[in-house]
Amino acid sequence: MHQVIGIRFRETGKIYYFSPAGFDVQVSQSVVVETARGVEYGYVVLEERTVDDEDVVLPLKKVVRIATHEDKTRIAENIELAKEAQSVCKEKIKEHKLDMKLVSAEYTFDRNKIMFYFTADGRVDFRTLVKDLASIFRTRIELRQIGVRDEAKILGGIGPCGLVLCCSTFLGDFEPVSIKMAKDQNLSLNPAKISGLCGRLMCCLKYENDEYEQAKKELPDIGENIHVEEGRGKVTGLNMLERIVQVELEDPERTVEFSLEELIGQGALTG
């Protein structure tokens, strides 16, 4: 068992566990921590708790200190420097005529490295670009190719629903999304209607899918014959979220809607 706190390095990034190392750290506080890539600045999003060994990556990294005013000033400076570095990198990409799209740039907290995130259709030989950037910035350079979902998360935007993208507001990790999820939710399979700004299937298909899977277990299938108080009928429609079943009766021929509770109460379903 380990005492940990949860820290993010980006507003909607993945949550990592760190040892509080004796510091009384509160949610929303900024801290400086040890990471695999050096000392970094992060934000506490989970209060101190106990977790099992299998839930942490050992050895557990520690909080170095609660962020000072100087640390916060340094982060603000790093953000401005990263914007300048991004502009320079874009010019160099044009100069070298590389088929890649620069998405963002980021300085590590100690400024020992600049990371440039880009998208591209395939592999890109950016060795000469790295040499140019290293000679300009006099620090380590890392170019990291990312996917279109990561690009959308970084850049943000408005989704088809009219709201700010889920990935750029609250989704910490991307989970696999399949076309089967759209079918289970009775959605149009038109790619334009079920794809997000990134061009991939919308993330909300995944985190709403559990509700639909549970509803499928509880409700009868379309076309299933059931016996209700009004007589024998066939299921012709389902409202998964509200647990409403549409039944076409045989005699007299008419369509009636029942809630899941009503069907269970009538003994039409076993529940």
Protein backbone atom coordinates (compact mmCIF):
# COMPACT_ATOMS: atom_id res chain seq x y z
CA MET A 1 0.00 0.00 0.00
CA HIS A 2 1.19 3.50 -0.81
CA GLN A 3 0.15 7.02 0.17
CA VAL A 4 -0.23 9.06 -3.03
CA ILE A 5 -1.67 12.23 -4.51
CA GLY A 6 -2.88 12.64 -8.10
CA ILE A 7 -1.16 15.23 -10.29
CA ARG A 8 -1.75 16.51 -13.80
CA PHE A 9 0.78 18.39 -15.92
CA ARG A 10 -1.81 19.62 -18.40
CA GLU A 11 -5.28 20.92 -17.65
CA THR A 12 -6.93 17.77 -19.06
CA GLY A 13 -3.93 15.47 -19.13
CA LYS A 14 -3.49 12.04 -17.62
CA ILE A 15 -3.39 11.79 -13.83
CA TYR A 16 -0.14 10.47 -12.34
CA TYR A 17 0.44 9.27 -8.78
CA PHE A 18 3.23 10.79 -6.68
CA SER A 19 4.32 10.41 -3.08
CA PRO A 20 3.38 13.54 -1.06
CA ALA A 21 6.72 13.08 0.78
CA GLY A 22 5.36 14.56 4.00
CA PHE A 23 3.90 17.70 2.39
CA ASP A 24 0.33 18.68 3.33
CA VAL A 25 -0.85 19.17 -0.25
CA GLN A 26 -4.40 20.22 -1.13
CA VAL A 27 -6.37 19.79 -4.35
CA SER A 28 -5.81 22.70 -6.81
CA GLN A 29 -2.38 23.49 -5.37
CA SER A 30 0.63 23.63 -7.68
CA VAL A 31 3.65 21.49 -6.89
CA VAL A 32 7.11 20.71 -8.24
CA VAL A 33 7.76 16.98 -8.60
CA GLU A 34 10.39 14.53 -9.76
CA THR A 35 9.55 12.77 -13.05
CA ALA A 36 11.29 10.46 -15.49
CA ARG A 37 12.14 13.47 -17.65
CA GLY A 38 13.36 15.65 -14.79
CA VAL A 39 11.81 18.15 -12.41
CA GLU A 40 8.33 19.23 -13.53
CA TYR A 41 5.53 21.57 -12.45
CA GLY A 42 2.08 20.08 -11.94
CA TYR A 43 -1.37 20.59 -10.46
CA VAL A 44 -2.87 18.48 -7.67
CA VAL A 45 -6.22 17.01 -8.74
CA LEU A 46 -6.61 14.10 -6.30
CA GLU A 47 -6.21 14.44 -2.53
CA GLU A 48 -3.96 12.12 -0.56
CA ARG A 49 -5.16 8.52 -0.53
CA THR A 50 -3.98 4.94 -0.10
CA VAL A 51 -3.64 2.75 -3.21
CA ASP A 52 -2.52 -0.83 -3.82
CA ASP A 53 0.91 -1.72 -5.15
CA GLU A 54 -0.48 -2.74 -8.56
CA ASP A 55 -2.00 0.73 -9.07
CA VAL A 56 1.31 2.60 -8.98
CA VAL A 57 4.51 2.59 -10.99
CA LEU A 58 7.46 1.89 -8.71
CA PRO A 59 9.68 3.45 -7.60
CA LEU A 60 7.13 6.12 -6.73
CA LYS A 61 8.35 9.63 -7.56
CA LYS A 62 8.10 12.35 -4.90
CA VAL A 63 6.86 15.88 -4.47
CA VAL A 64 9.92 18.15 -4.27
CA ARG A 65 8.10 21.20 -2.93
CA ILE A 66 4.86 23.13 -3.03
CA ALA A 67 5.23 25.61 -5.89
CA THR A 68 6.59 29.02 -4.94
CA HIS A 69 5.92 32.39 -6.53
CA GLU A 70 9.20 32.01 -8.42
CA ASP A 71 8.08 28.62 -9.77
CA LYS A 72 4.81 30.08 -11.03
CA THR A 73 6.67 32.97 -12.65
CA ARG A 74 9.00 30.52 -14.36
CA ILE A 75 6.06 28.54 -15.78
CA ALA A 76 4.54 31.74 -17.20
CA GLU A 77 7.89 32.57 -18.80
CA ASN A 78 8.18 29.04 -20.21
CA ILE A 79 4.78 29.38 -21.87
CA GLU A 80 5.85 32.60 -23.60
CA LEU A 81 9.18 31.10 -24.64
CA ALA A 82 7.37 28.06 -26.03
CA LYS A 83 5.19 30.30 -28.22
CA GLU A 84 8.31 31.91 -29.67
CA ALA A 85 9.92 28.50 -30.20
CA GLN A 86 6.79 27.29 -31.98
CA SER A 87 6.93 30.21 -34.43
CA VAL A 88 10.61 29.55 -35.16
CA CYS A 89 9.95 25.84 -35.68
CA LYS A 90 7.12 26.53 -38.12
CA GLU A 91 9.45 28.67 -40.23
CA LYS A 92 12.11 25.98 -40.19
CA ILE A 93 9.59 23.34 -41.24
CA LYS A 94 8.70 25.48 -44.26
CA GLU A 95 12.36 26.08 -44.98
CA HIS A 96 13.09 22.35 -45.01
CA LYS A 97 9.85 21.61 -46.91
CA LEU A 98 8.81 18.90 -44.47
CA ASP A 99 5.38 17.32 -44.78
CA MET A 100 4.37 17.78 -41.15
CA LYS A 101 2.02 20.02 -39.16
CA LEU A 102 3.33 21.56 -35.94
CA VAL A 103 0.67 21.48 -33.22
CA SER A 104 2.40 22.91 -30.14
CA ALA A 105 5.69 23.44 -28.35
CA GLU A 106 6.53 22.96 -24.69
CA TYR A 107 9.54 23.70 -22.49
CA THR A 108 10.34 21.39 -19.61
CA PHE A 109 10.23 23.18 -16.28
CA ASP A 110 14.04 23.42 -16.02
CA ARG A 111 14.30 24.46 -19.71
CA ASN A 112 16.69 21.61 -20.43
CA LYS A 113 14.50 20.46 -23.31
CA ILE A 114 11.94 21.78 -25.79
CA MET A 115 9.34 19.34 -27.06
CA PHE A 116 7.60 19.97 -30.36
CA TYR A 117 4.40 18.04 -31.06
CA PHE A 118 3.39 17.47 -34.67
CA THR A 119 1.10 15.43 -36.90
CA ALA A 120 2.00 13.82 -40.22
CA ASP A 121 0.54 11.21 -42.54
CA GLY A 122 3.65 9.04 -42.32
CA ARG A 123 7.23 8.99 -41.12
CA VAL A 124 9.17 12.25 -41.39
CA ASP A 125 12.95 12.59 -41.57
CA PHE A 126 13.44 15.63 -39.34
CA ARG A 127 17.11 15.12 -38.42
CA THR A 128 18.26 18.31 -40.13
CA LEU A 129 15.39 20.20 -38.53
CA VAL A 130 16.47 19.03 -35.08
CA LYS A 131 20.05 20.17 -35.75
CA ASP A 132 18.84 23.63 -36.81
CA LEU A 133 16.61 24.00 -33.76
CA ALA A 134 19.35 22.82 -31.40
CA SER A 135 21.77 25.41 -32.81
CA ILE A 136 19.17 28.16 -32.33
CA PHE A 137 17.88 27.31 -28.85
CA ARG A 138 21.07 25.75 -27.42
CA THR A 139 19.15 23.06 -25.59
CA ARG A 140 17.89 19.52 -26.16
CA ILE A 141 15.21 19.16 -28.82
CA GLU A 142 12.55 16.47 -29.02
CA LEU A 143 10.06 16.16 -31.86
CA ARG A 144 7.12 13.93 -30.99
CA GLN A 145 4.57 12.75 -33.55
CA ILE A 146 1.03 12.63 -32.17
CA GLY A 147 -2.32 11.41 -33.49
CA VAL A 148 -5.29 13.48 -34.62
CA ARG A 149 -7.14 12.85 -31.34
CA ASP A 150 -4.20 14.26 -29.39
CA GLU A 151 -4.13 17.24 -31.74
CA ALA A 152 -7.79 17.98 -31.04
CA LYS A 153 -7.15 17.66 -27.30
CA ILE A 154 -4.34 20.22 -27.45
CA LEU A 155 -6.01 22.71 -29.79
CA GLY A 156 -9.58 22.39 -28.48
CA GLY A 157 -12.69 23.50 -30.34
CA ILE A 158 -16.46 23.10 -30.52
CA GLY A 159 -17.92 19.66 -31.14
CA PRO A 160 -20.96 18.70 -33.26
CA CYS A 161 -23.08 18.94 -30.10
CA GLY A 162 -22.25 22.65 -29.78
CA LEU A 163 -20.16 22.19 -26.62
CA VAL A 164 -16.41 22.51 -26.06
CA LEU A 165 -14.65 19.24 -26.91
CA CYS A 166 -14.79 16.61 -24.16
CA CYS A 167 -11.13 15.72 -24.71
CA SER A 168 -10.01 19.29 -24.05
CA THR A 169 -12.22 19.83 -20.99
CA PHE A 170 -12.46 16.71 -18.82
CA LEU A 171 -11.35 13.49 -20.55
CA GLY A 172 -7.94 12.55 -19.21
CA ASP A 173 -7.37 9.47 -21.38
CA PHE A 174 -8.57 8.29 -24.75
CA GLU A 175 -10.37 4.95 -24.81
CA PRO A 176 -11.06 2.75 -27.85
CA VAL A 177 -14.30 3.62 -29.67
CA SER A 178 -15.93 1.22 -32.15
CA ILE A 179 -18.65 1.45 -34.77
CA LYS A 180 -20.54 -1.24 -32.79
CA MET A 181 -21.12 1.35 -30.06
CA ALA A 182 -22.90 3.60 -32.56
CA LYS A 183 -25.04 0.65 -33.72
CA ASP A 184 -25.95 -0.29 -30.14
CA GLN A 185 -27.05 3.30 -29.53
CA ASN A 186 -29.24 3.32 -32.67
CA LEU A 187 -27.28 6.19 -34.19
CA SER A 188 -26.93 7.00 -37.85
CA LEU A 189 -23.84 5.30 -39.26
CA ASN A 190 -23.13 8.33 -41.45
CA PRO A 191 -19.47 9.16 -40.59
CA ALA A 192 -20.22 12.88 -40.65
CA LYS A 193 -22.76 12.44 -37.85
CA ILE A 194 -20.75 10.24 -35.48
CA SER A 195 -17.25 11.71 -35.97
CA GLY A 196 -15.66 14.49 -33.96
CA LEU A 197 -13.47 17.36 -35.11
CA CYS A 198 -10.51 14.97 -35.20
CA GLY A 199 -12.24 12.84 -37.83
CA ARG A 200 -12.41 9.84 -35.50
CA LEU A 201 -15.50 8.38 -33.83
CA MET A 202 -16.76 10.67 -31.07
CA CYS A 203 -15.41 9.89 -27.59
CA CYS A 204 -18.88 10.26 -26.07
CA LEU A 205 -19.89 7.01 -27.80
CA LYS A 206 -17.62 5.24 -25.33
CA TYR A 207 -18.57 6.78 -22.02
CA GLU A 208 -22.30 6.52 -22.82
CA ASN A 209 -21.93 2.93 -24.03
CA ASP A 210 -22.06 1.32 -20.57
CA GLU A 211 -25.56 2.71 -20.06
CA TYR A 212 -26.74 1.25 -23.37
CA GLU A 213 -25.14 -2.13 -22.66
CA GLN A 214 -26.91 -2.28 -19.30
CA ALA A 215 -30.21 -1.32 -20.97
CA LYS A 216 -29.78 -4.10 -23.55
CA LYS A 217 -29.44 -6.62 -20.71
CA GLU A 218 -32.60 -5.34 -19.01
CA LEU A 219 -34.86 -4.82 -22.05
CA PRO A 220 -36.30 -7.36 -24.52
CA ASP A 221 -34.96 -7.47 -28.09
CA ILE A 222 -36.67 -5.90 -31.08
CA GLY A 223 -38.97 -8.52 -32.62
CA GLU A 224 -39.26 -10.53 -29.40
CA ASN A 225 -42.75 -11.82 -28.57
CA ILE A 226 -43.94 -11.04 -25.05
CA HIS A 227 -47.23 -11.42 -23.15
CA VAL A 228 -48.61 -8.33 -21.39
CA GLU A 229 -51.91 -7.71 -19.58
CA GLU A 230 -53.49 -6.44 -22.83
CA GLY A 231 -52.54 -9.66 -24.62
CA ARG A 232 -49.79 -11.11 -26.75
CA GLY A 233 -47.56 -8.70 -28.66
CA LYS A 234 -44.25 -8.11 -30.36
CA VAL A 235 -41.55 -5.60 -29.36
CA THR A 236 -41.26 -3.01 -32.14
CA GLY A 237 -39.30 -0.19 -30.49
CA LEU A 238 -37.02 0.61 -27.54
CA ASN A 239 -36.08 3.81 -25.77
CA MET A 240 -32.85 2.64 -24.15
CA LEU A 241 -32.20 5.62 -21.89
CA GLU A 242 -35.74 5.92 -20.49
CA ARG A 243 -36.28 2.12 -20.45
CA ILE A 244 -39.47 2.38 -22.53
CA VAL A 245 -40.65 -0.60 -24.63
CA GLN A 246 -42.99 -0.23 -27.60
CA VAL A 247 -45.21 -3.29 -28.11
CA GLU A 248 -47.46 -4.04 -31.08
CA LEU A 249 -50.42 -6.05 -29.80
CA GLU A 250 -52.01 -8.83 -31.88
CA ASP A 251 -55.63 -8.41 -30.74
CA PRO A 252 -56.85 -5.76 -30.95
CA GLU A 253 -54.11 -4.57 -33.29
CA ARG A 254 -52.56 -1.49 -31.70
CA THR A 255 -49.28 -0.22 -30.33
CA VAL A 256 -48.73 0.39 -26.61
CA GLU A 257 -45.72 1.68 -24.67
CA PHE A 258 -44.62 0.21 -21.35
CA SER A 259 -41.94 1.16 -18.89
CA LEU A 260 -39.49 -1.53 -17.82
CA GLU A 261 -41.03 -1.51 -14.33
CA GLU A 262 -44.52 -2.08 -15.76
CA LEU A 263 -43.38 -5.06 -17.80
CA ILE A 264 -41.61 -6.60 -14.80
CA GLY A 265 -44.69 -5.97 -12.64
CA GLN A 266 -46.91 -7.73 -15.20
CA GLY A 267 -44.56 -10.69 -15.31
CA ALA A 268 -43.80 -10.04 -18.99
CA LEU A 269 -40.10 -9.94 -18.10
CA THR A 270 -38.15 -11.71 -15.42
CA GLY A 271 -36.14 -8.52 -14.72
